[in-house]
């Protein structure tokens, strides 16, 4: 879009010496940023004209035409900026940006030496097309941001589920180990008592005590 604006504004149709494109910063009322600047725009006088026209357009939502820039801006000599004009770029009723251009008054150019109403209408028509392109680009960028954020959310949810699954496995392994130890003791001593039936009573009593203790431990678990 920036290249298209530059080629059109500085081409034979509008004969601009300079062109500045501003866009409103989302979420910050009254703040705009330059997203494109082309041509001989370094002079302080030109920057003063551009900023004033841009602010007017953002506030009014209408195009601005300065046929004689020096009449309103005395410091801006005719040779620096003969004339200038600005138009809004819109997303529906909202002004989302401005295009400000300045130029003409060169002997090699035919036709009017300064910008006229016809030039402003032409620039306004172009701005509507540029607005559509910028809105689509903003929508695509917003959609990409939302997809990216959603992907991050899903990744975080997956990480949490993986951690929960790991904790569950650790817990089950711990429980299995803690349950297996007393069960192993109970089974072992019970098998000994069934296998060796001629052991002295003291041995049976010792084994039964162990079995009882392990049962109590198992019950506690």
N, C-alpha and C. Protein backbone atom coordinates (compact mmCIF):
# COMPACT_ATOMS: atom_id res chain seq x y z
N UNK A 1 0.84 -1.20 0.00
CA UNK A 1 0.00 0.00 0.00
C UNK A 1 0.88 1.25 0.00
N UNK A 2 1.93 1.27 0.82
CA UNK A 2 2.83 2.42 0.86
C UNK A 2 3.44 2.69 -0.51
N UNK A 3 3.89 1.64 -1.18
CA UNK A 3 4.50 1.82 -2.50
C UNK A 3 3.49 2.35 -3.49
N UNK A 4 2.26 1.84 -3.43
CA UNK A 4 1.22 2.30 -4.34
C UNK A 4 0.89 3.77 -4.11
N UNK A 5 0.81 4.17 -2.85
CA UNK A 5 0.56 5.57 -2.52
C UNK A 5 1.68 6.45 -3.07
N UNK A 6 2.90 6.04 -2.85
CA UNK A 6 4.04 6.84 -3.30
C UNK A 6 4.05 6.97 -4.82
N UNK A 7 3.85 5.86 -5.52
CA UNK A 7 3.88 5.89 -6.98
C UNK A 7 2.79 6.78 -7.55
N UNK A 8 1.59 6.72 -6.94
CA UNK A 8 0.48 7.52 -7.44
C UNK A 8 0.65 8.99 -7.09
N UNK A 9 0.98 9.27 -5.83
CA UNK A 9 1.08 10.66 -5.38
C UNK A 9 2.21 11.39 -6.09
N UNK A 10 3.30 10.71 -6.35
CA UNK A 10 4.47 11.37 -6.92
C UNK A 10 4.58 11.16 -8.42
N UNK A 11 3.53 10.56 -9.00
CA UNK A 11 3.51 10.35 -10.44
C UNK A 11 2.96 11.56 -11.17
N UNK A 12 2.64 11.36 -12.44
CA UNK A 12 2.19 12.46 -13.27
C UNK A 12 0.80 12.96 -12.89
N UNK A 13 -0.01 12.11 -12.21
CA UNK A 13 -1.37 12.54 -11.87
C UNK A 13 -1.37 13.67 -10.85
N UNK A 14 -0.56 13.54 -9.78
CA UNK A 14 -0.59 14.52 -8.69
C UNK A 14 0.70 15.34 -8.57
N UNK A 15 1.78 14.85 -9.17
CA UNK A 15 3.04 15.61 -9.22
C UNK A 15 3.51 16.06 -7.83
N UNK A 16 3.43 15.19 -6.86
CA UNK A 16 3.82 15.56 -5.49
C UNK A 16 5.33 15.58 -5.33
N UNK A 17 5.80 16.57 -4.57
CA UNK A 17 7.22 16.60 -4.18
C UNK A 17 7.45 15.73 -2.96
N UNK A 18 6.43 15.63 -2.11
CA UNK A 18 6.53 14.81 -0.90
C UNK A 18 5.16 14.26 -0.53
N UNK A 19 5.19 13.20 0.23
CA UNK A 19 3.96 12.52 0.64
C UNK A 19 4.20 11.86 2.00
N UNK A 20 3.25 12.04 2.92
CA UNK A 20 3.37 11.45 4.26
C UNK A 20 2.08 10.70 4.58
N UNK A 21 2.22 9.49 5.05
CA UNK A 21 1.06 8.66 5.42
C UNK A 21 1.13 8.42 6.92
N UNK A 22 0.05 8.79 7.62
CA UNK A 22 -0.04 8.56 9.06
C UNK A 22 -1.16 7.58 9.35
N UNK A 23 -0.98 6.84 10.44
CA UNK A 23 -2.00 5.87 10.86
C UNK A 23 -2.24 6.03 12.35
N UNK A 24 -3.52 5.93 12.75
CA UNK A 24 -3.87 6.04 14.16
C UNK A 24 -3.35 4.83 14.91
N UNK A 25 -2.77 5.07 16.09
CA UNK A 25 -2.29 3.97 16.93
C UNK A 25 -3.48 3.41 17.68
N UNK A 26 -3.74 2.12 17.49
CA UNK A 26 -4.90 1.51 18.12
C UNK A 26 -4.81 1.59 19.64
N UNK A 27 -5.92 2.01 20.25
CA UNK A 27 -6.00 2.07 21.70
C UNK A 27 -5.48 3.36 22.31
N UNK A 28 -4.90 4.26 21.48
CA UNK A 28 -4.37 5.52 22.00
C UNK A 28 -5.06 6.66 21.28
N UNK A 29 -6.01 7.30 21.92
CA UNK A 29 -6.77 8.37 21.33
C UNK A 29 -5.87 9.59 21.09
N UNK A 30 -5.93 10.10 19.88
CA UNK A 30 -5.17 11.31 19.56
C UNK A 30 -3.72 11.06 19.19
N UNK A 31 -3.28 9.81 19.16
CA UNK A 31 -1.89 9.49 18.81
C UNK A 31 -1.85 8.83 17.44
N UNK A 32 -0.96 9.35 16.60
CA UNK A 32 -0.77 8.78 15.26
C UNK A 32 0.71 8.55 15.02
N UNK A 33 1.00 7.65 14.12
CA UNK A 33 2.39 7.38 13.78
C UNK A 33 2.55 7.43 12.26
N UNK A 34 3.72 7.87 11.83
CA UNK A 34 4.02 7.90 10.40
C UNK A 34 4.38 6.49 9.96
N UNK A 35 3.66 5.99 8.97
CA UNK A 35 3.93 4.64 8.47
C UNK A 35 4.55 4.67 7.08
N UNK A 36 4.62 5.87 6.49
CA UNK A 36 5.25 6.01 5.19
C UNK A 36 5.55 7.47 4.89
N UNK A 37 6.74 7.76 4.39
CA UNK A 37 7.10 9.11 3.98
C UNK A 37 7.98 9.03 2.75
N UNK A 38 7.69 9.90 1.79
CA UNK A 38 8.36 9.80 0.50
C UNK A 38 8.71 11.20 0.01
N UNK A 39 9.77 11.31 -0.77
CA UNK A 39 10.13 12.57 -1.38
C UNK A 39 10.89 13.49 -0.45
N UNK A 40 10.92 14.78 -0.81
CA UNK A 40 11.68 15.79 -0.10
C UNK A 40 10.85 16.32 1.07
N UNK A 41 10.97 15.68 2.20
CA UNK A 41 10.10 15.97 3.35
C UNK A 41 10.89 16.45 4.56
N UNK A 42 12.18 16.68 4.41
CA UNK A 42 13.03 16.96 5.56
C UNK A 42 12.89 18.39 6.09
N UNK A 43 12.45 19.32 5.25
CA UNK A 43 12.39 20.72 5.69
C UNK A 43 11.41 20.90 6.84
N UNK A 44 11.83 21.70 7.84
CA UNK A 44 10.99 21.94 9.01
C UNK A 44 9.66 22.58 8.62
N UNK A 45 9.69 23.48 7.63
CA UNK A 45 8.47 24.15 7.19
C UNK A 45 7.47 23.16 6.60
N UNK A 46 7.97 22.20 5.85
CA UNK A 46 7.08 21.19 5.27
C UNK A 46 6.49 20.31 6.36
N UNK A 47 7.29 19.93 7.33
CA UNK A 47 6.79 19.11 8.42
C UNK A 47 5.71 19.83 9.21
N UNK A 48 5.84 21.15 9.34
CA UNK A 48 4.82 21.93 10.03
C UNK A 48 3.50 21.90 9.26
N UNK A 49 3.57 22.06 7.94
CA UNK A 49 2.37 22.01 7.10
C UNK A 49 1.72 20.63 7.18
N UNK A 50 2.53 19.60 7.05
CA UNK A 50 2.00 18.22 7.05
C UNK A 50 1.31 17.90 8.36
N UNK A 51 1.95 18.24 9.49
CA UNK A 51 1.39 17.91 10.79
C UNK A 51 0.07 18.65 11.01
N UNK A 52 0.02 19.92 10.62
CA UNK A 52 -1.20 20.70 10.81
C UNK A 52 -2.35 20.14 9.98
N UNK A 53 -2.09 19.81 8.72
CA UNK A 53 -3.14 19.26 7.86
C UNK A 53 -3.60 17.90 8.36
N UNK A 54 -2.65 17.08 8.78
CA UNK A 54 -3.01 15.75 9.26
C UNK A 54 -3.91 15.83 10.48
N UNK A 55 -3.58 16.70 11.42
CA UNK A 55 -4.39 16.84 12.63
C UNK A 55 -5.80 17.34 12.30
N UNK A 56 -5.90 18.26 11.36
CA UNK A 56 -7.21 18.75 10.96
C UNK A 56 -8.07 17.64 10.39
N UNK A 57 -7.46 16.83 9.56
CA UNK A 57 -8.22 15.74 8.93
C UNK A 57 -8.64 14.70 9.96
N UNK A 58 -7.75 14.37 10.89
CA UNK A 58 -8.12 13.42 11.94
C UNK A 58 -9.28 13.96 12.77
N UNK A 59 -9.29 15.27 13.02
CA UNK A 59 -10.33 15.85 13.85
C UNK A 59 -11.65 16.03 13.09
N UNK A 60 -11.57 16.47 11.83
CA UNK A 60 -12.79 16.78 11.08
C UNK A 60 -13.30 15.61 10.25
N UNK A 61 -12.39 14.74 9.82
CA UNK A 61 -12.79 13.64 8.95
C UNK A 61 -12.98 14.08 7.51
N UNK A 62 -12.60 15.31 7.18
CA UNK A 62 -12.77 15.83 5.82
C UNK A 62 -11.40 16.13 5.20
N UNK A 63 -11.41 16.24 3.86
CA UNK A 63 -10.19 16.59 3.17
C UNK A 63 -9.84 18.05 3.37
N UNK A 64 -8.56 18.37 3.25
CA UNK A 64 -8.07 19.74 3.40
C UNK A 64 -7.25 20.10 2.16
N UNK A 65 -7.47 21.32 1.67
CA UNK A 65 -6.76 21.81 0.49
C UNK A 65 -6.12 23.15 0.79
N UNK A 66 -4.82 23.26 0.59
CA UNK A 66 -4.10 24.53 0.70
C UNK A 66 -3.57 24.89 -0.68
N UNK A 67 -4.33 25.71 -1.40
CA UNK A 67 -3.89 26.10 -2.73
C UNK A 67 -2.65 26.98 -2.66
N UNK A 68 -2.60 27.84 -1.65
CA UNK A 68 -1.42 28.67 -1.40
C UNK A 68 -0.96 28.39 0.02
N UNK A 69 -0.02 27.49 0.18
CA UNK A 69 0.43 27.09 1.51
C UNK A 69 1.05 28.25 2.27
N UNK A 70 1.76 29.13 1.55
CA UNK A 70 2.47 30.22 2.23
C UNK A 70 1.51 31.24 2.82
N UNK A 71 0.26 31.28 2.32
CA UNK A 71 -0.71 32.23 2.86
C UNK A 71 -1.05 31.90 4.30
N UNK A 72 -1.09 30.63 4.64
CA UNK A 72 -1.40 30.21 6.01
C UNK A 72 -0.15 29.93 6.82
N UNK A 73 0.91 29.54 6.13
CA UNK A 73 2.18 29.24 6.80
C UNK A 73 3.26 30.15 6.21
N UNK A 74 3.42 31.34 6.77
CA UNK A 74 4.34 32.33 6.19
C UNK A 74 5.78 31.83 6.08
N UNK A 75 6.19 30.97 6.98
CA UNK A 75 7.57 30.49 6.94
C UNK A 75 7.80 29.50 5.80
N UNK A 76 6.70 29.01 5.23
CA UNK A 76 6.82 28.01 4.16
C UNK A 76 6.83 28.73 2.82
N UNK A 77 8.00 28.96 2.29
CA UNK A 77 8.13 29.68 1.03
C UNK A 77 7.52 28.90 -0.12
N UNK A 78 7.13 29.64 -1.15
CA UNK A 78 6.49 29.02 -2.31
C UNK A 78 7.39 27.96 -2.93
N UNK A 79 8.67 28.23 -2.97
CA UNK A 79 9.60 27.27 -3.58
C UNK A 79 9.69 25.98 -2.77
N UNK A 80 9.41 26.06 -1.47
CA UNK A 80 9.49 24.88 -0.63
C UNK A 80 8.22 24.05 -0.74
N UNK A 81 7.07 24.73 -0.65
CA UNK A 81 5.79 24.01 -0.72
C UNK A 81 4.74 24.94 -1.33
N UNK A 82 4.56 24.90 -2.65
CA UNK A 82 3.58 25.77 -3.29
C UNK A 82 2.16 25.52 -2.80
N UNK A 83 1.77 24.26 -2.73
CA UNK A 83 0.42 23.90 -2.30
C UNK A 83 0.46 22.50 -1.69
N UNK A 84 -0.59 22.18 -0.94
CA UNK A 84 -0.66 20.88 -0.27
C UNK A 84 -2.11 20.49 -0.08
N UNK A 85 -2.33 19.21 0.15
CA UNK A 85 -3.68 18.72 0.45
C UNK A 85 -3.59 17.43 1.25
N UNK A 86 -4.67 17.14 1.96
CA UNK A 86 -4.71 15.97 2.84
C UNK A 86 -6.09 15.35 2.79
N UNK A 87 -6.14 14.04 2.87
CA UNK A 87 -7.42 13.31 2.87
C UNK A 87 -7.38 12.23 3.94
N UNK A 88 -8.55 11.85 4.46
CA UNK A 88 -8.59 10.78 5.47
C UNK A 88 -8.63 9.41 4.83
N UNK A 89 -8.16 8.43 5.56
CA UNK A 89 -8.40 7.02 5.23
C UNK A 89 -9.30 6.48 6.32
N UNK A 90 -10.31 5.72 5.91
CA UNK A 90 -11.37 5.34 6.84
C UNK A 90 -11.56 3.83 6.93
N UNK A 91 -12.06 3.44 8.10
CA UNK A 91 -12.63 2.10 8.30
C UNK A 91 -14.07 2.34 8.73
N UNK A 92 -14.97 2.39 7.75
CA UNK A 92 -16.34 2.80 8.03
C UNK A 92 -16.35 4.28 8.39
N UNK A 93 -16.99 4.66 9.50
CA UNK A 93 -17.01 6.08 9.89
C UNK A 93 -15.73 6.54 10.59
N UNK A 94 -14.90 5.61 11.00
CA UNK A 94 -13.70 5.97 11.77
C UNK A 94 -12.54 6.34 10.87
N UNK A 95 -11.89 7.46 11.20
CA UNK A 95 -10.67 7.86 10.49
C UNK A 95 -9.49 7.09 11.06
N UNK A 96 -8.87 6.27 10.23
CA UNK A 96 -7.76 5.43 10.70
C UNK A 96 -6.41 5.93 10.23
N UNK A 97 -6.41 6.93 9.34
CA UNK A 97 -5.14 7.43 8.84
C UNK A 97 -5.33 8.64 7.95
N UNK A 98 -4.22 9.25 7.54
CA UNK A 98 -4.26 10.40 6.65
C UNK A 98 -3.17 10.27 5.60
N UNK A 99 -3.44 10.86 4.44
CA UNK A 99 -2.43 11.00 3.39
C UNK A 99 -2.29 12.49 3.11
N UNK A 100 -1.09 13.03 3.28
CA UNK A 100 -0.82 14.45 3.04
C UNK A 100 0.25 14.55 1.96
N UNK A 101 -0.02 15.36 0.93
CA UNK A 101 0.97 15.53 -0.13
C UNK A 101 1.14 17.03 -0.41
N UNK A 102 2.31 17.38 -0.95
CA UNK A 102 2.59 18.76 -1.32
C UNK A 102 3.39 18.81 -2.60
N UNK A 103 3.17 19.87 -3.41
CA UNK A 103 3.94 19.99 -4.63
C UNK A 103 3.36 20.96 -5.63
N UNK A 104 3.73 20.74 -6.91
CA UNK A 104 3.38 21.55 -8.09
C UNK A 104 4.18 22.85 -8.16
N UNK A 105 3.72 23.77 -9.05
CA UNK A 105 4.37 25.04 -9.35
C UNK A 105 5.79 24.82 -9.89
N UNK A 106 5.87 24.00 -10.95
CA UNK A 106 7.13 23.81 -11.66
C UNK A 106 6.88 24.08 -13.14
N UNK A 107 7.77 24.75 -13.75
CA UNK A 107 7.55 25.18 -15.12
C UNK A 107 7.38 24.00 -16.07
N UNK A 108 8.03 22.89 -15.77
CA UNK A 108 7.96 21.77 -16.71
C UNK A 108 6.62 21.03 -16.63
N UNK A 109 5.83 21.31 -15.59
CA UNK A 109 4.53 20.67 -15.45
C UNK A 109 3.49 21.48 -16.22
N UNK A 110 2.64 20.79 -16.93
CA UNK A 110 1.54 21.45 -17.60
C UNK A 110 0.32 21.50 -16.68
N UNK A 111 -0.65 22.35 -17.05
CA UNK A 111 -1.87 22.42 -16.27
C UNK A 111 -1.72 23.38 -15.10
N UNK A 112 -2.56 23.17 -14.06
CA UNK A 112 -2.55 24.07 -12.91
C UNK A 112 -1.21 24.03 -12.18
N UNK A 113 -0.81 25.21 -11.70
CA UNK A 113 0.46 25.29 -10.97
C UNK A 113 0.31 24.88 -9.52
N UNK A 114 -0.92 24.81 -9.03
CA UNK A 114 -1.17 24.44 -7.65
C UNK A 114 -2.32 23.44 -7.59
N UNK A 115 -2.43 22.76 -6.45
CA UNK A 115 -3.51 21.80 -6.30
C UNK A 115 -4.86 22.52 -6.26
N UNK A 116 -5.85 21.89 -6.92
CA UNK A 116 -7.20 22.44 -6.98
C UNK A 116 -8.19 21.39 -6.45
N UNK A 117 -9.47 21.75 -6.45
CA UNK A 117 -10.51 20.85 -5.94
C UNK A 117 -10.53 19.53 -6.69
N UNK A 118 -10.26 19.57 -7.98
CA UNK A 118 -10.24 18.33 -8.75
C UNK A 118 -9.16 17.38 -8.28
N UNK A 119 -8.00 17.92 -7.91
CA UNK A 119 -6.92 17.08 -7.37
C UNK A 119 -7.34 16.47 -6.04
N UNK A 120 -8.03 17.27 -5.22
CA UNK A 120 -8.47 16.77 -3.92
C UNK A 120 -9.48 15.64 -4.08
N UNK A 121 -10.40 15.77 -5.02
CA UNK A 121 -11.38 14.69 -5.27
C UNK A 121 -10.67 13.44 -5.75
N UNK A 122 -9.67 13.61 -6.60
CA UNK A 122 -8.92 12.46 -7.11
C UNK A 122 -8.19 11.75 -5.97
N UNK A 123 -7.53 12.54 -5.11
CA UNK A 123 -6.80 11.95 -3.98
C UNK A 123 -7.77 11.27 -3.01
N UNK A 124 -8.95 11.87 -2.80
CA UNK A 124 -9.94 11.27 -1.91
C UNK A 124 -10.41 9.91 -2.43
N UNK A 125 -10.62 9.82 -3.75
CA UNK A 125 -11.03 8.55 -4.35
C UNK A 125 -9.94 7.49 -4.19
N UNK A 126 -8.70 7.90 -4.37
CA UNK A 126 -7.59 6.96 -4.17
C UNK A 126 -7.51 6.51 -2.72
N UNK A 127 -7.75 7.44 -1.80
CA UNK A 127 -7.65 7.12 -0.37
C UNK A 127 -8.67 6.07 0.03
N UNK A 128 -9.84 6.07 -0.61
CA UNK A 128 -10.83 5.03 -0.27
C UNK A 128 -10.31 3.65 -0.63
N UNK A 129 -9.64 3.54 -1.77
CA UNK A 129 -9.06 2.24 -2.16
C UNK A 129 -7.92 1.86 -1.23
N UNK A 130 -7.08 2.83 -0.89
CA UNK A 130 -5.97 2.54 0.02
C UNK A 130 -6.49 2.14 1.39
N UNK A 131 -7.59 2.78 1.82
CA UNK A 131 -8.17 2.45 3.13
C UNK A 131 -8.59 0.99 3.18
N UNK A 132 -9.24 0.53 2.12
CA UNK A 132 -9.69 -0.87 2.08
C UNK A 132 -8.50 -1.81 2.21
N UNK A 133 -7.43 -1.49 1.53
CA UNK A 133 -6.24 -2.35 1.59
C UNK A 133 -5.63 -2.36 2.99
N UNK A 134 -5.58 -1.18 3.61
CA UNK A 134 -5.00 -1.10 4.96
C UNK A 134 -5.87 -1.83 5.97
N UNK A 135 -7.20 -1.68 5.85
CA UNK A 135 -8.11 -2.37 6.77
C UNK A 135 -7.95 -3.87 6.65
N UNK A 136 -7.86 -4.37 5.42
CA UNK A 136 -7.67 -5.81 5.21
C UNK A 136 -6.34 -6.26 5.82
N UNK A 137 -5.29 -5.45 5.62
CA UNK A 137 -3.98 -5.81 6.19
C UNK A 137 -4.04 -5.82 7.71
N UNK A 138 -4.73 -4.83 8.31
CA UNK A 138 -4.87 -4.79 9.77
C UNK A 138 -5.66 -5.99 10.26
N UNK A 139 -6.73 -6.33 9.55
CA UNK A 139 -7.55 -7.48 9.95
C UNK A 139 -6.72 -8.76 9.91
N UNK A 140 -5.96 -8.93 8.83
CA UNK A 140 -5.13 -10.13 8.72
C UNK A 140 -4.10 -10.19 9.84
N UNK A 141 -3.51 -9.02 10.17
CA UNK A 141 -2.52 -9.00 11.25
C UNK A 141 -3.17 -9.31 12.59
N UNK A 142 -4.38 -8.74 12.80
CA UNK A 142 -5.10 -9.03 14.04
C UNK A 142 -5.45 -10.50 14.13
N UNK A 143 -5.89 -11.07 13.01
CA UNK A 143 -6.24 -12.49 12.98
C UNK A 143 -5.02 -13.35 13.27
N UNK A 144 -3.88 -12.97 12.69
CA UNK A 144 -2.64 -13.71 12.96
C UNK A 144 -2.26 -13.63 14.43
N UNK A 145 -2.43 -12.43 15.02
CA UNK A 145 -2.12 -12.27 16.45
C UNK A 145 -3.03 -13.14 17.30
N UNK A 146 -4.33 -13.18 16.95
CA UNK A 146 -5.27 -14.00 17.71
C UNK A 146 -4.93 -15.48 17.60
N UNK A 147 -4.59 -15.91 16.38
CA UNK A 147 -4.21 -17.31 16.20
C UNK A 147 -2.96 -17.63 17.02
N UNK A 148 -2.00 -16.69 17.00
CA UNK A 148 -0.77 -16.90 17.77
C UNK A 148 -1.06 -17.01 19.26
N UNK A 149 -1.90 -16.10 19.77
CA UNK A 149 -2.25 -16.13 21.20
C UNK A 149 -3.01 -17.41 21.54
N UNK A 150 -3.93 -17.81 20.64
CA UNK A 150 -4.69 -19.04 20.89
C UNK A 150 -3.75 -20.26 20.89
N UNK A 151 -2.77 -20.24 20.00
CA UNK A 151 -1.80 -21.33 19.95
C UNK A 151 -1.00 -21.39 21.25
N UNK A 152 -0.61 -20.20 21.76
CA UNK A 152 0.12 -20.17 23.03
C UNK A 152 -0.75 -20.70 24.17
N UNK A 153 -2.05 -20.31 24.17
CA UNK A 153 -2.96 -20.80 25.21
C UNK A 153 -3.06 -22.32 25.17
N UNK A 154 -3.20 -22.86 23.96
CA UNK A 154 -3.31 -24.31 23.81
C UNK A 154 -2.02 -25.01 24.24
N UNK A 155 -0.88 -24.39 23.91
CA UNK A 155 0.39 -24.97 24.30
C UNK A 155 0.54 -24.98 25.82
N UNK A 156 0.12 -23.88 26.47
CA UNK A 156 0.18 -23.82 27.94
C UNK A 156 -0.75 -24.84 28.56
N UNK A 157 -1.97 -24.98 27.98
CA UNK A 157 -2.91 -25.98 28.50
C UNK A 157 -2.35 -27.38 28.33
N UNK A 158 -1.71 -27.64 27.19
CA UNK A 158 -1.12 -28.95 26.96
C UNK A 158 0.03 -29.22 27.94
N UNK A 159 0.82 -28.18 28.21
CA UNK A 159 1.92 -28.34 29.17
C UNK A 159 1.37 -28.65 30.57
N UNK A 160 0.26 -27.96 30.93
CA UNK A 160 -0.34 -28.22 32.25
C UNK A 160 -0.87 -29.65 32.33
N UNK A 161 -1.52 -30.09 31.27
CA UNK A 161 -2.04 -31.47 31.25
C UNK A 161 -0.90 -32.49 31.33
N UNK A 162 0.19 -32.20 30.63
CA UNK A 162 1.35 -33.10 30.68
C UNK A 162 1.93 -33.16 32.09
N UNK A 163 1.98 -32.00 32.76
CA UNK A 163 2.49 -31.97 34.13
C UNK A 163 1.56 -32.74 35.08
N UNK A 164 0.25 -32.55 34.90
CA UNK A 164 -0.71 -33.28 35.73
C UNK A 164 -0.59 -34.78 35.50
N UNK A 165 -0.42 -35.16 34.24
CA UNK A 165 -0.26 -36.58 33.92
C UNK A 165 1.01 -37.14 34.55
N UNK A 166 2.10 -36.35 34.54
CA UNK A 166 3.34 -36.79 35.16
C UNK A 166 3.16 -36.95 36.67
N UNK A 167 2.49 -35.96 37.28
CA UNK A 167 2.26 -36.04 38.72
C UNK A 167 1.39 -37.24 39.07
N UNK A 168 0.40 -37.53 38.22
CA UNK A 168 -0.46 -38.69 38.47
C UNK A 168 0.37 -39.98 38.42
N UNK A 169 1.25 -40.05 37.40
CA UNK A 169 2.08 -41.26 37.28
C UNK A 169 3.00 -41.41 38.50
N UNK A 170 3.60 -40.27 38.92
CA UNK A 170 4.46 -40.32 40.09
C UNK A 170 3.69 -40.76 41.34
N UNK A 171 2.47 -40.24 41.46
CA UNK A 171 1.65 -40.59 42.62
C UNK A 171 1.29 -42.07 42.60
N UNK A 172 0.90 -42.57 41.44
CA UNK A 172 0.51 -43.98 41.34
C UNK A 172 1.71 -44.88 41.63
N UNK A 173 2.89 -44.48 41.14
CA UNK A 173 4.07 -45.29 41.41
C UNK A 173 4.39 -45.29 42.91
N UNK A 174 4.25 -44.14 43.54
CA UNK A 174 4.52 -44.05 44.98
C UNK A 174 3.52 -44.90 45.76
N UNK A 175 2.23 -44.78 45.41
CA UNK A 175 1.20 -45.57 46.10
C UNK A 175 1.43 -47.06 45.90
N UNK A 176 1.75 -47.43 44.66
CA UNK A 176 1.98 -48.85 44.37
C UNK A 176 3.15 -49.38 45.20
N UNK A 177 4.21 -48.57 45.32
CA UNK A 177 5.37 -49.02 46.10
C UNK A 177 5.01 -49.15 47.58
N UNK A 178 4.28 -48.13 48.10
CA UNK A 178 3.93 -48.15 49.52
C UNK A 178 2.97 -49.28 49.86
N UNK A 179 2.10 -49.64 48.93
CA UNK A 179 1.16 -50.75 49.15
C UNK A 179 1.85 -52.09 49.00
N UNK A 180 2.79 -52.13 48.05
CA UNK A 180 3.43 -53.41 47.76
C UNK A 180 4.31 -53.89 48.92
N UNK A 181 4.95 -52.98 49.63
CA UNK A 181 5.87 -53.38 50.70
C UNK A 181 5.18 -54.16 51.82
N UNK A 182 4.09 -53.64 52.44
CA UNK A 182 3.43 -54.44 53.49
C UNK A 182 2.76 -55.69 52.95
N UNK A 183 2.23 -55.61 51.73
CA UNK A 183 1.60 -56.81 51.16
C UNK A 183 2.63 -57.91 50.94
N UNK A 184 3.82 -57.52 50.51
CA UNK A 184 4.88 -58.52 50.31
C UNK A 184 5.26 -59.19 51.62
N UNK A 185 5.36 -58.39 52.69
CA UNK A 185 5.69 -58.96 54.00
C UNK A 185 4.59 -59.91 54.47
N UNK A 186 3.34 -59.50 54.37
CA UNK A 186 2.22 -60.36 54.82
C UNK A 186 2.21 -61.66 54.05
N UNK A 187 2.34 -61.57 52.75
CA UNK A 187 2.30 -62.79 51.93
C UNK A 187 3.49 -63.71 52.23
N UNK A 188 4.67 -63.12 52.39
CA UNK A 188 5.87 -63.93 52.63
C UNK A 188 5.76 -64.71 53.94
N UNK A 189 5.39 -64.02 55.00
CA UNK A 189 5.31 -64.70 56.31
C UNK A 189 4.14 -65.68 56.34
N UNK A 190 3.07 -65.37 55.63
CA UNK A 190 1.95 -66.32 55.58
C UNK A 190 2.37 -67.59 54.85
N UNK A 191 3.11 -67.46 53.75
CA UNK A 191 3.57 -68.64 53.00
C UNK A 191 4.53 -69.48 53.85
N UNK A 192 5.40 -68.81 54.63
CA UNK A 192 6.33 -69.56 55.49
C UNK A 192 5.56 -70.38 56.51
N UNK A 193 4.55 -69.75 57.10
CA UNK A 193 3.77 -70.46 58.12
C UNK A 193 3.03 -71.65 57.53
N UNK A 194 2.55 -71.50 56.28
CA UNK A 194 1.84 -72.61 55.63
C UNK A 194 2.79 -73.72 55.18
N UNK A 195 4.02 -73.31 54.88
CA UNK A 195 4.98 -74.30 54.36
C UNK A 195 5.67 -75.07 55.49
N UNK A 196 6.07 -74.34 56.53
CA UNK A 196 6.80 -74.97 57.63
C UNK A 196 5.89 -75.02 58.87
N UNK A 197 5.10 -76.09 58.95
CA UNK A 197 4.11 -76.19 60.02
C UNK A 197 4.68 -76.72 61.34
N UNK A 198 5.92 -77.16 61.33
CA UNK A 198 6.50 -77.70 62.56
C UNK A 198 7.40 -76.70 63.28
N UNK A 199 7.28 -75.42 62.94
CA UNK A 199 8.09 -74.40 63.62
C UNK A 199 7.59 -74.22 65.04
N UNK A 200 8.46 -73.84 65.97
CA UNK A 200 8.04 -73.62 67.37
C UNK A 200 7.01 -72.50 67.46
N UNK A 201 6.20 -72.52 68.51
CA UNK A 201 5.15 -71.49 68.68
C UNK A 201 5.71 -70.08 68.70
N UNK A 202 6.93 -69.91 69.25
CA UNK A 202 7.50 -68.57 69.31
C UNK A 202 7.68 -67.97 67.90
N UNK A 203 8.06 -68.85 66.94
CA UNK A 203 8.28 -68.38 65.57
C UNK A 203 6.96 -67.94 64.95
N UNK A 204 5.91 -68.82 65.18
CA UNK A 204 4.59 -68.45 64.65
C UNK A 204 4.12 -67.14 65.25
N UNK A 205 4.35 -66.98 66.52
CA UNK A 205 3.90 -65.74 67.17
C UNK A 205 4.64 -64.52 66.60
N UNK A 206 5.95 -64.71 66.31
CA UNK A 206 6.72 -63.61 65.72
C UNK A 206 6.19 -63.26 64.33
N UNK A 207 5.92 -64.34 63.55
CA UNK A 207 5.41 -64.11 62.19
C UNK A 207 4.04 -63.46 62.23
N UNK A 208 3.17 -63.91 63.12
CA UNK A 208 1.83 -63.32 63.23
C UNK A 208 1.90 -61.86 63.68
N UNK A 209 2.86 -61.56 64.52
CA UNK A 209 3.02 -60.16 64.95
C UNK A 209 3.42 -59.28 63.78
N UNK A 210 4.35 -59.83 62.95
CA UNK A 210 4.77 -59.07 61.76
C UNK A 210 3.59 -58.88 60.81
N UNK A 211 2.82 -59.97 60.60
CA UNK A 211 1.65 -59.88 59.71
C UNK A 211 0.65 -58.86 60.24
N UNK A 212 0.44 -58.86 61.52
CA UNK A 212 -0.49 -57.89 62.15
C UNK A 212 0.01 -56.45 62.00
N UNK A 213 1.32 -56.27 62.24
CA UNK A 213 1.88 -54.92 62.12
C UNK A 213 1.78 -54.39 60.67
N UNK A 214 2.07 -55.26 59.73
CA UNK A 214 2.00 -54.85 58.34
C UNK A 214 0.55 -54.57 57.91
N UNK A 215 -0.40 -55.33 58.48
CA UNK A 215 -1.82 -55.09 58.20
C UNK A 215 -2.24 -53.72 58.72
N UNK A 216 -1.76 -53.40 59.94
CA UNK A 216 -2.06 -52.07 60.49
C UNK A 216 -1.47 -50.97 59.61
N UNK A 217 -0.25 -51.18 59.16
CA UNK A 217 0.40 -50.21 58.27
C UNK A 217 -0.36 -50.07 56.98
N UNK A 218 -0.81 -51.19 56.40
CA UNK A 218 -1.57 -51.17 55.16
C UNK A 218 -2.89 -50.44 55.35
N UNK A 219 -3.52 -50.70 56.49
CA UNK A 219 -4.79 -50.02 56.78
C UNK A 219 -4.57 -48.50 56.88
N UNK A 220 -3.41 -48.09 57.45
CA UNK A 220 -3.11 -46.66 57.54
C UNK A 220 -2.94 -46.02 56.17
N UNK A 221 -2.33 -46.76 55.26
CA UNK A 221 -2.17 -46.26 53.90
C UNK A 221 -3.54 -46.11 53.22
